[in-house]
C-alpha cells in the first residue's frame, strides 16, 4: 500500500558519518520527535483510508433462497458470439452464503459444470417485474377487427408479393470491407 512518509533527518545522514556522541541529547530528542511524527502521519493515513473505504462499501443484503443474476464476466464456456451474450445470466437461487463477500448459487443447464461459488461483485439482485414500475407490460393486447369479405383478396395479394416472389434473383449483395487501421 502506498502512503506518504515524511522525510526524516536521520535518513539524510550519510551512512559513513561519524557517530554522534551520546551526550548530544538534543539530537536524540529531535530523532524521537521525528519518529513519533512519522508514526502519527502513517496512523492518520490508515485511519482516513479506512473511513473512505467504509463510506463507499455497502454490505450485501442477500439471503438464502433469494433469486440473483450472475454476471458472465468470467464464464467463457457459453457458446455463441460475444455480441449476443447477455451480460447477466438467468436468475439463480442462493444455496449458501460464504461470508460477506461470496455466495453459492444453484446453477442450471450448461452452467451446472461450473463451480457454483461467486464473489458478490459478480452478483446482482433479481427483482420481479412490478406493475407500478413497468405499467406498459400489463396492458392487454388489442383485439384485431374482423376482416370484411373484399379485404381478403387484397391481403392475399400483398402476402404473395412479400413472399417468394420478392427474393433477390441474380442481384449480387454488396459487401463492404472494413477500413484498415494503419
N, C-alpha and C. Protein backbone atom coordinates (compact mmCIF):
# COMPACT_ATOMS: atom_id res chain seq x y z
N UNK A 1 0.85 -1.17 0.00
CA UNK A 1 0.00 0.00 0.00
C UNK A 1 0.89 1.23 0.00
N UNK A 2 0.56 2.21 -0.81
CA UNK A 2 1.37 3.42 -0.90
C UNK A 2 0.81 4.46 0.05
N UNK A 3 1.70 5.14 0.73
CA UNK A 3 1.27 6.21 1.62
C UNK A 3 2.39 7.23 1.73
N UNK A 4 2.05 8.38 2.27
CA UNK A 4 3.02 9.45 2.41
C UNK A 4 3.88 9.20 3.63
N UNK A 5 5.17 9.24 3.44
CA UNK A 5 6.10 9.04 4.54
C UNK A 5 6.96 10.29 4.63
N UNK A 6 6.93 10.99 5.76
CA UNK A 6 7.71 12.22 5.88
C UNK A 6 9.21 11.93 5.84
N UNK A 7 9.96 12.84 5.29
CA UNK A 7 11.42 12.69 5.22
C UNK A 7 12.02 13.11 6.55
N UNK A 8 12.82 12.22 7.12
CA UNK A 8 13.39 12.45 8.44
C UNK A 8 14.87 12.80 8.33
N UNK A 9 15.39 13.44 9.38
CA UNK A 9 16.79 13.89 9.32
C UNK A 9 17.76 12.73 9.36
N UNK A 10 17.44 11.66 10.09
CA UNK A 10 18.40 10.55 10.14
C UNK A 10 18.50 9.82 8.80
N UNK A 11 17.51 10.00 7.93
CA UNK A 11 17.60 9.40 6.60
C UNK A 11 18.52 10.21 5.70
N UNK A 12 18.68 11.49 5.99
CA UNK A 12 19.54 12.33 5.17
C UNK A 12 21.00 12.21 5.56
N UNK A 13 21.27 11.64 6.73
CA UNK A 13 22.67 11.49 7.17
C UNK A 13 23.36 10.42 6.34
N UNK A 14 24.62 10.61 6.09
CA UNK A 14 25.38 9.62 5.34
C UNK A 14 25.66 8.42 6.24
N UNK A 15 25.79 7.26 5.63
CA UNK A 15 25.99 6.05 6.42
C UNK A 15 27.38 5.99 7.03
N UNK A 16 28.34 6.58 6.35
CA UNK A 16 29.70 6.56 6.89
C UNK A 16 29.97 7.79 7.76
N UNK A 17 28.90 8.43 8.21
CA UNK A 17 29.01 9.61 9.06
C UNK A 17 29.51 9.20 10.44
N UNK A 18 30.26 10.05 11.06
CA UNK A 18 30.81 9.77 12.39
C UNK A 18 29.67 9.69 13.39
N UNK A 19 29.72 8.69 14.28
CA UNK A 19 28.68 8.55 15.30
C UNK A 19 28.62 9.79 16.18
N UNK A 20 27.41 10.13 16.55
CA UNK A 20 27.21 11.30 17.41
C UNK A 20 27.45 10.88 18.85
N UNK A 21 28.04 11.73 19.59
CA UNK A 21 28.36 11.45 20.99
C UNK A 21 27.07 11.26 21.77
N UNK A 22 27.03 10.27 22.69
CA UNK A 22 25.80 10.02 23.45
C UNK A 22 25.33 11.19 24.29
N UNK A 23 26.21 12.10 24.57
CA UNK A 23 25.79 13.25 25.39
C UNK A 23 25.00 14.26 24.58
N UNK A 24 24.97 14.09 23.30
CA UNK A 24 24.22 15.03 22.47
C UNK A 24 22.75 14.66 22.54
N UNK A 25 22.13 14.94 23.68
CA UNK A 25 20.73 14.56 23.91
C UNK A 25 19.77 15.36 23.03
N UNK A 26 20.20 16.53 22.62
CA UNK A 26 19.36 17.34 21.73
C UNK A 26 19.04 16.56 20.45
N UNK A 27 20.07 15.98 19.88
CA UNK A 27 19.89 15.25 18.62
C UNK A 27 18.98 14.04 18.82
N UNK A 28 19.13 13.38 19.95
CA UNK A 28 18.29 12.21 20.25
C UNK A 28 16.82 12.63 20.40
N UNK A 29 16.60 13.76 21.04
CA UNK A 29 15.23 14.26 21.21
C UNK A 29 14.61 14.59 19.85
N UNK A 30 15.41 15.20 18.98
CA UNK A 30 14.91 15.53 17.65
C UNK A 30 14.53 14.26 16.89
N UNK A 31 15.38 13.23 16.96
CA UNK A 31 15.07 11.98 16.27
C UNK A 31 13.81 11.32 16.83
N UNK A 32 13.65 11.35 18.15
CA UNK A 32 12.45 10.78 18.75
C UNK A 32 11.18 11.52 18.30
N UNK A 33 11.24 12.84 18.26
CA UNK A 33 10.09 13.62 17.81
C UNK A 33 9.74 13.29 16.36
N UNK A 34 10.79 13.12 15.55
CA UNK A 34 10.54 12.80 14.14
C UNK A 34 9.92 11.41 13.99
N UNK A 35 10.37 10.45 14.77
CA UNK A 35 9.80 9.10 14.71
C UNK A 35 8.33 9.12 15.13
N UNK A 36 8.04 9.87 16.20
CA UNK A 36 6.64 9.98 16.64
C UNK A 36 5.79 10.65 15.57
N UNK A 37 6.34 11.69 14.94
CA UNK A 37 5.61 12.38 13.88
C UNK A 37 5.35 11.44 12.70
N UNK A 38 6.34 10.65 12.34
CA UNK A 38 6.18 9.69 11.24
C UNK A 38 5.10 8.67 11.57
N UNK A 39 5.13 8.11 12.77
CA UNK A 39 4.12 7.12 13.17
C UNK A 39 2.72 7.73 13.18
N UNK A 40 2.61 8.97 13.66
CA UNK A 40 1.31 9.63 13.70
C UNK A 40 0.77 9.88 12.28
N UNK A 41 1.66 10.28 11.36
CA UNK A 41 1.23 10.50 9.97
C UNK A 41 0.74 9.20 9.33
N UNK A 42 1.45 8.11 9.57
CA UNK A 42 1.06 6.83 9.00
C UNK A 42 -0.28 6.37 9.58
N UNK A 43 -0.47 6.53 10.90
CA UNK A 43 -1.73 6.13 11.52
C UNK A 43 -2.90 6.97 11.01
N UNK A 44 -2.68 8.27 10.82
CA UNK A 44 -3.73 9.13 10.29
C UNK A 44 -4.10 8.73 8.86
N UNK A 45 -3.09 8.37 8.08
CA UNK A 45 -3.37 7.94 6.71
C UNK A 45 -4.22 6.68 6.70
N UNK A 46 -3.84 5.68 7.49
CA UNK A 46 -4.61 4.43 7.51
C UNK A 46 -6.02 4.67 8.03
N UNK A 47 -6.16 5.57 9.00
CA UNK A 47 -7.49 5.87 9.54
C UNK A 47 -8.37 6.53 8.46
N UNK A 48 -7.82 7.51 7.74
CA UNK A 48 -8.61 8.18 6.70
C UNK A 48 -8.90 7.24 5.54
N UNK A 49 -7.95 6.35 5.20
CA UNK A 49 -8.19 5.39 4.12
C UNK A 49 -9.30 4.42 4.51
N UNK A 50 -9.32 3.99 5.77
CA UNK A 50 -10.36 3.06 6.23
C UNK A 50 -11.73 3.75 6.22
N UNK A 51 -11.78 5.01 6.66
CA UNK A 51 -13.06 5.75 6.64
C UNK A 51 -13.57 5.91 5.21
N UNK A 52 -12.67 6.24 4.28
CA UNK A 52 -13.05 6.39 2.88
C UNK A 52 -13.57 5.07 2.31
N UNK A 53 -12.91 3.97 2.65
CA UNK A 53 -13.34 2.65 2.17
C UNK A 53 -14.70 2.29 2.75
N UNK A 54 -14.88 2.53 4.06
CA UNK A 54 -16.14 2.17 4.71
C UNK A 54 -17.32 2.98 4.16
N UNK A 55 -17.07 4.24 3.76
CA UNK A 55 -18.15 5.05 3.21
C UNK A 55 -18.61 4.52 1.86
N UNK A 56 -17.68 4.00 1.07
CA UNK A 56 -18.03 3.56 -0.28
C UNK A 56 -18.56 2.13 -0.31
N UNK A 57 -18.42 1.37 0.75
CA UNK A 57 -18.84 -0.02 0.75
C UNK A 57 -20.18 -0.20 1.46
N UNK A 58 -21.03 -1.00 0.84
CA UNK A 58 -22.32 -1.32 1.44
C UNK A 58 -22.40 -2.84 1.54
N UNK A 59 -22.64 -3.37 2.71
CA UNK A 59 -22.70 -4.83 2.81
C UNK A 59 -23.89 -5.37 2.02
N UNK A 60 -23.69 -6.47 1.28
CA UNK A 60 -24.80 -7.02 0.50
C UNK A 60 -25.88 -7.61 1.40
N UNK A 61 -27.12 -7.48 0.98
CA UNK A 61 -28.24 -7.96 1.79
C UNK A 61 -28.88 -9.19 1.14
N UNK A 62 -28.04 -10.13 0.72
CA UNK A 62 -28.55 -11.37 0.14
C UNK A 62 -28.88 -12.36 1.25
N UNK A 63 -29.92 -13.16 1.01
CA UNK A 63 -30.30 -14.21 1.96
C UNK A 63 -30.43 -15.52 1.19
N UNK A 64 -30.35 -16.62 1.91
CA UNK A 64 -30.50 -17.93 1.28
C UNK A 64 -31.91 -18.04 0.72
N UNK A 65 -32.03 -18.46 -0.53
CA UNK A 65 -33.32 -18.60 -1.19
C UNK A 65 -33.67 -17.44 -2.10
N UNK A 66 -32.92 -16.33 -2.06
CA UNK A 66 -33.17 -15.19 -2.94
C UNK A 66 -32.78 -15.54 -4.37
N UNK A 67 -33.43 -14.89 -5.32
CA UNK A 67 -33.05 -15.05 -6.73
C UNK A 67 -32.07 -13.95 -7.10
N UNK A 68 -30.98 -14.33 -7.77
CA UNK A 68 -29.95 -13.37 -8.17
C UNK A 68 -29.55 -13.61 -9.62
N UNK A 69 -29.02 -12.56 -10.25
CA UNK A 69 -28.47 -12.66 -11.60
C UNK A 69 -26.96 -12.75 -11.48
N UNK A 70 -26.35 -13.63 -12.27
CA UNK A 70 -24.90 -13.84 -12.23
C UNK A 70 -24.29 -13.22 -13.47
N UNK A 71 -23.22 -12.44 -13.29
CA UNK A 71 -22.52 -11.84 -14.42
C UNK A 71 -21.72 -12.91 -15.15
N UNK A 72 -21.71 -12.84 -16.49
CA UNK A 72 -20.96 -13.83 -17.26
C UNK A 72 -19.55 -13.34 -17.57
N UNK A 73 -19.02 -12.47 -16.74
CA UNK A 73 -17.70 -11.88 -16.96
C UNK A 73 -16.62 -12.95 -17.05
N UNK A 74 -16.62 -13.91 -16.16
CA UNK A 74 -15.59 -14.94 -16.14
C UNK A 74 -16.07 -16.28 -16.68
N UNK A 75 -17.28 -16.34 -17.18
CA UNK A 75 -17.82 -17.59 -17.71
C UNK A 75 -17.62 -17.60 -19.22
N UNK A 76 -16.56 -18.23 -19.68
CA UNK A 76 -16.28 -18.23 -21.11
C UNK A 76 -16.77 -19.49 -21.81
N UNK A 77 -17.52 -20.32 -21.12
CA UNK A 77 -17.99 -21.56 -21.75
C UNK A 77 -19.32 -21.39 -22.47
N UNK A 78 -19.92 -20.23 -22.37
CA UNK A 78 -21.21 -20.00 -23.03
C UNK A 78 -20.97 -19.86 -24.53
N UNK A 79 -21.70 -20.64 -25.32
CA UNK A 79 -21.47 -20.67 -26.76
C UNK A 79 -22.12 -19.47 -27.43
N UNK A 80 -21.58 -19.13 -28.59
CA UNK A 80 -22.13 -18.04 -29.38
C UNK A 80 -21.23 -16.83 -29.36
N UNK A 81 -21.49 -15.89 -30.27
CA UNK A 81 -20.66 -14.69 -30.32
C UNK A 81 -20.88 -13.81 -29.10
N UNK A 82 -19.84 -13.07 -28.73
CA UNK A 82 -19.90 -12.23 -27.54
C UNK A 82 -20.95 -11.13 -27.65
N UNK A 83 -21.21 -10.67 -28.87
CA UNK A 83 -22.19 -9.58 -29.04
C UNK A 83 -23.59 -9.99 -28.63
N UNK A 84 -23.91 -11.27 -28.76
CA UNK A 84 -25.26 -11.72 -28.47
C UNK A 84 -25.42 -12.31 -27.08
N UNK A 85 -24.35 -12.35 -26.30
CA UNK A 85 -24.44 -12.90 -24.94
C UNK A 85 -25.02 -11.85 -24.00
N UNK A 86 -25.84 -12.28 -23.10
CA UNK A 86 -26.36 -11.37 -22.08
C UNK A 86 -25.27 -11.12 -21.05
N UNK A 87 -25.22 -9.90 -20.53
CA UNK A 87 -24.20 -9.60 -19.52
C UNK A 87 -24.55 -10.24 -18.19
N UNK A 88 -25.83 -10.44 -17.92
CA UNK A 88 -26.26 -11.10 -16.69
C UNK A 88 -27.08 -12.34 -17.07
N UNK A 89 -26.75 -13.44 -16.45
CA UNK A 89 -27.42 -14.70 -16.77
C UNK A 89 -28.66 -14.88 -15.92
N UNK A 90 -29.51 -15.77 -16.36
CA UNK A 90 -30.83 -16.03 -15.78
C UNK A 90 -30.82 -16.05 -14.25
N UNK A 91 -31.95 -15.82 -13.61
CA UNK A 91 -31.96 -15.82 -12.14
C UNK A 91 -31.68 -17.21 -11.56
N UNK A 92 -30.76 -17.24 -10.60
CA UNK A 92 -30.42 -18.47 -9.89
C UNK A 92 -30.76 -18.28 -8.42
N UNK A 93 -31.01 -19.38 -7.73
CA UNK A 93 -31.35 -19.31 -6.32
C UNK A 93 -30.08 -19.47 -5.48
N UNK A 94 -29.99 -18.71 -4.39
CA UNK A 94 -28.83 -18.79 -3.49
C UNK A 94 -28.97 -20.02 -2.61
N UNK A 95 -27.93 -20.86 -2.62
CA UNK A 95 -27.92 -22.06 -1.77
C UNK A 95 -27.29 -21.78 -0.42
N UNK A 96 -26.16 -21.04 -0.42
CA UNK A 96 -25.44 -20.79 0.83
C UNK A 96 -24.67 -19.49 0.72
N UNK A 97 -24.41 -18.88 1.87
CA UNK A 97 -23.58 -17.68 1.95
C UNK A 97 -22.23 -18.08 2.54
N UNK A 98 -21.15 -17.69 1.87
CA UNK A 98 -19.80 -17.96 2.36
C UNK A 98 -19.20 -16.65 2.86
N UNK A 99 -19.69 -16.15 3.95
CA UNK A 99 -19.18 -14.89 4.48
C UNK A 99 -19.84 -13.71 3.77
N UNK A 100 -19.34 -12.50 4.03
CA UNK A 100 -19.99 -11.32 3.46
C UNK A 100 -19.63 -11.06 1.99
N UNK A 101 -18.60 -11.73 1.47
CA UNK A 101 -18.12 -11.39 0.13
C UNK A 101 -18.35 -12.45 -0.94
N UNK A 102 -18.88 -13.60 -0.60
CA UNK A 102 -19.13 -14.62 -1.63
C UNK A 102 -20.34 -15.45 -1.25
N UNK A 103 -20.92 -16.07 -2.27
CA UNK A 103 -22.09 -16.91 -2.04
C UNK A 103 -22.12 -18.05 -3.06
N UNK A 104 -22.95 -19.03 -2.77
CA UNK A 104 -23.07 -20.20 -3.63
C UNK A 104 -24.47 -20.23 -4.20
N UNK A 105 -24.55 -20.40 -5.53
CA UNK A 105 -25.85 -20.42 -6.20
C UNK A 105 -26.09 -21.81 -6.80
N UNK A 106 -27.34 -22.08 -7.10
CA UNK A 106 -27.72 -23.35 -7.71
C UNK A 106 -27.78 -23.15 -9.22
N UNK A 107 -26.74 -23.61 -9.92
CA UNK A 107 -26.64 -23.41 -11.37
C UNK A 107 -27.48 -24.45 -12.11
N UNK A 108 -27.99 -24.05 -13.27
CA UNK A 108 -28.82 -24.94 -14.08
C UNK A 108 -28.29 -24.96 -15.50
N UNK A 109 -28.75 -25.93 -16.27
CA UNK A 109 -28.41 -26.01 -17.69
C UNK A 109 -26.94 -26.33 -17.92
N UNK A 110 -26.36 -25.68 -18.92
CA UNK A 110 -24.96 -25.96 -19.26
C UNK A 110 -23.99 -25.38 -18.23
N UNK A 111 -24.47 -24.54 -17.34
CA UNK A 111 -23.60 -23.98 -16.30
C UNK A 111 -23.44 -24.90 -15.10
N UNK A 112 -24.12 -26.04 -15.10
CA UNK A 112 -24.03 -26.98 -13.98
C UNK A 112 -22.61 -27.46 -13.74
N UNK A 113 -21.81 -27.51 -14.80
CA UNK A 113 -20.44 -28.00 -14.69
C UNK A 113 -19.52 -26.98 -14.03
N UNK A 114 -19.94 -25.73 -13.95
CA UNK A 114 -19.12 -24.67 -13.35
C UNK A 114 -19.19 -24.74 -11.83
N UNK A 115 -18.18 -24.13 -11.20
CA UNK A 115 -18.17 -24.06 -9.74
C UNK A 115 -19.25 -23.08 -9.30
N UNK A 116 -20.09 -23.43 -8.33
CA UNK A 116 -21.25 -22.60 -8.01
C UNK A 116 -20.96 -21.40 -7.10
N UNK A 117 -19.73 -21.20 -6.65
CA UNK A 117 -19.43 -20.07 -5.77
C UNK A 117 -19.00 -18.86 -6.59
N UNK A 118 -19.55 -17.70 -6.24
CA UNK A 118 -19.25 -16.46 -6.94
C UNK A 118 -19.01 -15.35 -5.93
N UNK A 119 -18.13 -14.38 -6.27
CA UNK A 119 -18.00 -13.21 -5.41
C UNK A 119 -19.22 -12.31 -5.55
N UNK A 120 -19.47 -11.53 -4.53
CA UNK A 120 -20.66 -10.67 -4.50
C UNK A 120 -20.58 -9.61 -5.60
N UNK A 121 -19.36 -9.25 -6.04
CA UNK A 121 -19.23 -8.24 -7.08
C UNK A 121 -19.81 -8.70 -8.42
N UNK A 122 -19.91 -10.02 -8.65
CA UNK A 122 -20.47 -10.54 -9.90
C UNK A 122 -21.95 -10.89 -9.77
N UNK A 123 -22.58 -10.57 -8.66
CA UNK A 123 -23.97 -10.92 -8.39
C UNK A 123 -24.82 -9.65 -8.33
N UNK A 124 -25.96 -9.68 -8.99
CA UNK A 124 -26.93 -8.59 -8.91
C UNK A 124 -28.26 -9.16 -8.43
N UNK A 125 -28.99 -8.42 -7.60
CA UNK A 125 -30.29 -8.93 -7.14
C UNK A 125 -31.30 -8.97 -8.30
N UNK A 126 -32.12 -10.00 -8.29
CA UNK A 126 -33.16 -10.15 -9.32
C UNK A 126 -34.47 -9.67 -8.74
N UNK A 127 -35.09 -8.74 -9.45
CA UNK A 127 -36.37 -8.20 -9.00
C UNK A 127 -37.44 -8.58 -10.02
N UNK A 128 -38.51 -9.15 -9.55
CA UNK A 128 -39.62 -9.49 -10.44
C UNK A 128 -40.24 -8.21 -10.96
N UNK A 129 -40.83 -8.28 -12.15
CA UNK A 129 -41.41 -7.08 -12.73
C UNK A 129 -42.61 -6.63 -11.90
N UNK A 130 -42.66 -5.37 -11.63
CA UNK A 130 -43.72 -4.79 -10.81
C UNK A 130 -44.64 -3.98 -11.73
N UNK A 131 -45.93 -4.08 -11.53
CA UNK A 131 -46.88 -3.38 -12.39
C UNK A 131 -46.74 -1.86 -12.24
N UNK A 132 -46.39 -1.40 -11.06
CA UNK A 132 -46.24 0.04 -10.87
C UNK A 132 -44.96 0.55 -11.53
N UNK A 133 -43.89 -0.27 -11.50
CA UNK A 133 -42.63 0.16 -12.11
C UNK A 133 -42.69 0.11 -13.63
N UNK A 134 -43.36 -0.89 -14.16
CA UNK A 134 -43.46 -1.01 -15.62
C UNK A 134 -44.92 -1.22 -16.00
N UNK A 135 -45.69 -0.14 -16.10
CA UNK A 135 -47.13 -0.29 -16.37
C UNK A 135 -47.43 -0.76 -17.79
N UNK A 136 -46.51 -0.57 -18.73
CA UNK A 136 -46.79 -0.96 -20.11
C UNK A 136 -46.83 -2.47 -20.28
N UNK A 137 -46.21 -3.21 -19.41
CA UNK A 137 -46.21 -4.66 -19.53
C UNK A 137 -47.57 -5.26 -19.19
N UNK A 138 -48.37 -4.55 -18.43
CA UNK A 138 -49.65 -5.10 -18.01
C UNK A 138 -50.80 -4.74 -18.96
N UNK A 139 -50.53 -3.95 -20.01
CA UNK A 139 -51.59 -3.57 -20.95
C UNK A 139 -51.94 -4.78 -21.82
N UNK A 140 -53.22 -5.16 -21.88
CA UNK A 140 -53.58 -6.32 -22.71
C UNK A 140 -53.45 -5.99 -24.20
N UNK A 141 -53.25 -7.02 -25.01
CA UNK A 141 -53.15 -6.83 -26.46
C UNK A 141 -54.51 -6.41 -27.02
N UNK A 142 -54.47 -5.55 -28.02
CA UNK A 142 -55.71 -5.08 -28.65
C UNK A 142 -56.28 -6.18 -29.55
N UNK A 143 -57.59 -6.26 -29.57
CA UNK A 143 -58.24 -7.25 -30.43
C UNK A 143 -58.25 -6.72 -31.86
N UNK A 144 -57.95 -7.60 -32.80
CA UNK A 144 -57.96 -7.19 -34.21
C UNK A 144 -59.40 -7.16 -34.72
N UNK A 145 -59.76 -6.15 -35.49
CA UNK A 145 -61.13 -6.07 -36.01
C UNK A 145 -61.36 -7.18 -37.04
N UNK A 146 -62.59 -7.63 -37.20
CA UNK A 146 -62.87 -8.68 -38.20
C UNK A 146 -62.63 -8.16 -39.62
N UNK A 147 -62.15 -9.05 -40.48
CA UNK A 147 -61.84 -8.68 -41.86
C UNK A 147 -63.11 -8.85 -42.71
N UNK A 148 -63.37 -7.86 -43.52
CA UNK A 148 -64.54 -7.92 -44.41
C UNK A 148 -64.20 -8.79 -45.62
N UNK A 149 -65.20 -9.19 -46.36
CA UNK A 149 -65.02 -10.12 -47.47
C UNK A 149 -64.13 -9.55 -48.57
N UNK A 150 -64.24 -8.31 -48.91
CA UNK A 150 -63.47 -7.72 -50.00
C UNK A 150 -61.99 -7.55 -49.66
N UNK A 151 -61.67 -7.47 -48.39
CA UNK A 151 -60.29 -7.22 -47.99
C UNK A 151 -59.43 -8.47 -48.04
N UNK A 152 -60.02 -9.66 -48.04
CA UNK A 152 -59.25 -10.90 -48.02
C UNK A 152 -58.36 -11.03 -49.25
N UNK A 153 -58.87 -10.67 -50.43
CA UNK A 153 -58.09 -10.79 -51.66
C UNK A 153 -56.91 -9.82 -51.63
N UNK A 154 -57.11 -8.63 -51.12
CA UNK A 154 -56.03 -7.64 -51.05
C UNK A 154 -54.92 -8.17 -50.14
N UNK A 155 -55.29 -8.74 -49.02
CA UNK A 155 -54.30 -9.27 -48.08
C UNK A 155 -53.55 -10.44 -48.71
N UNK A 156 -54.26 -11.34 -49.41
CA UNK A 156 -53.60 -12.48 -50.05
C UNK A 156 -52.60 -12.01 -51.10
N UNK A 157 -52.97 -11.01 -51.91
CA UNK A 157 -52.07 -10.49 -52.94
C UNK A 157 -50.83 -9.86 -52.32
N UNK A 158 -51.02 -9.11 -51.26
CA UNK A 158 -49.87 -8.46 -50.62
C UNK A 158 -48.96 -9.50 -49.97
N UNK A 159 -49.53 -10.59 -49.46
CA UNK A 159 -48.71 -11.65 -48.89
C UNK A 159 -47.91 -12.36 -49.97
N UNK A 160 -48.52 -12.58 -51.12
CA UNK A 160 -47.80 -13.23 -52.21
C UNK A 160 -46.65 -12.37 -52.70
N UNK A 161 -46.89 -11.07 -52.80
CA UNK A 161 -45.82 -10.17 -53.25
C UNK A 161 -44.68 -10.12 -52.23
N UNK A 162 -45.01 -10.19 -50.97
CA UNK A 162 -43.98 -10.11 -49.94
C UNK A 162 -43.29 -11.43 -49.69
N UNK A 163 -43.78 -12.51 -50.29
CA UNK A 163 -43.22 -13.84 -50.03
C UNK A 163 -42.10 -14.19 -50.98
N UNK A 164 -42.25 -15.35 -51.68
CA UNK A 164 -41.21 -15.91 -52.54
C UNK A 164 -40.89 -15.02 -53.74
N UNK A 165 -41.85 -14.29 -54.23
CA UNK A 165 -41.65 -13.55 -55.47
C UNK A 165 -40.70 -12.38 -55.31
N UNK A 166 -40.54 -11.88 -54.11
CA UNK A 166 -39.72 -10.69 -53.91
C UNK A 166 -38.27 -11.02 -53.58
N UNK A 167 -37.85 -12.27 -53.68
CA UNK A 167 -36.46 -12.61 -53.35
C UNK A 167 -35.53 -11.99 -54.38
N UNK A 168 -34.27 -11.80 -53.98
CA UNK A 168 -33.26 -11.20 -54.86
C UNK A 168 -32.78 -12.27 -55.84
N UNK A 169 -33.19 -12.15 -57.07
CA UNK A 169 -32.77 -13.12 -58.09
C UNK A 169 -31.73 -12.47 -58.98
N UNK A 170 -30.51 -12.99 -58.92
CA UNK A 170 -29.45 -12.50 -59.78
C UNK A 170 -28.86 -11.17 -59.38
N UNK A 171 -29.33 -10.59 -58.30
CA UNK A 171 -28.78 -9.31 -57.84
C UNK A 171 -27.74 -9.62 -56.77
N UNK A 172 -26.47 -9.31 -57.01
CA UNK A 172 -25.44 -9.65 -56.01
C UNK A 172 -25.52 -8.72 -54.80
N UNK A 173 -25.16 -9.25 -53.67
CA UNK A 173 -25.10 -8.45 -52.45
C UNK A 173 -23.80 -7.65 -52.45
N UNK A 174 -23.86 -6.43 -52.00
CA UNK A 174 -22.66 -5.59 -51.91
C UNK A 174 -22.10 -5.75 -50.50
N UNK A 175 -20.87 -6.21 -50.42
CA UNK A 175 -20.23 -6.42 -49.12
C UNK A 175 -19.14 -5.38 -48.96
N UNK A 176 -19.23 -4.59 -47.93
CA UNK A 176 -18.21 -3.59 -47.67
C UNK A 176 -17.13 -4.19 -46.79
N UNK A 177 -15.88 -3.99 -47.19
CA UNK A 177 -14.77 -4.45 -46.37
C UNK A 177 -14.45 -3.36 -45.35
N UNK A 178 -14.10 -3.77 -44.13
CA UNK A 178 -13.76 -2.74 -43.13
C UNK A 178 -12.47 -2.03 -43.51
N UNK A 179 -12.41 -0.75 -43.19
CA UNK A 179 -11.20 0.02 -43.49
C UNK A 179 -10.07 -0.45 -42.59
N UNK A 180 -8.88 -0.53 -43.16
CA UNK A 180 -7.73 -0.97 -42.36
C UNK A 180 -7.29 0.16 -41.46
N UNK A 181 -6.86 -0.19 -40.28
CA UNK A 181 -6.40 0.81 -39.30
C UNK A 181 -4.89 0.85 -39.31
N UNK A 182 -4.35 1.57 -40.24
CA UNK A 182 -2.88 1.66 -40.36
C UNK A 182 -2.42 2.99 -39.88
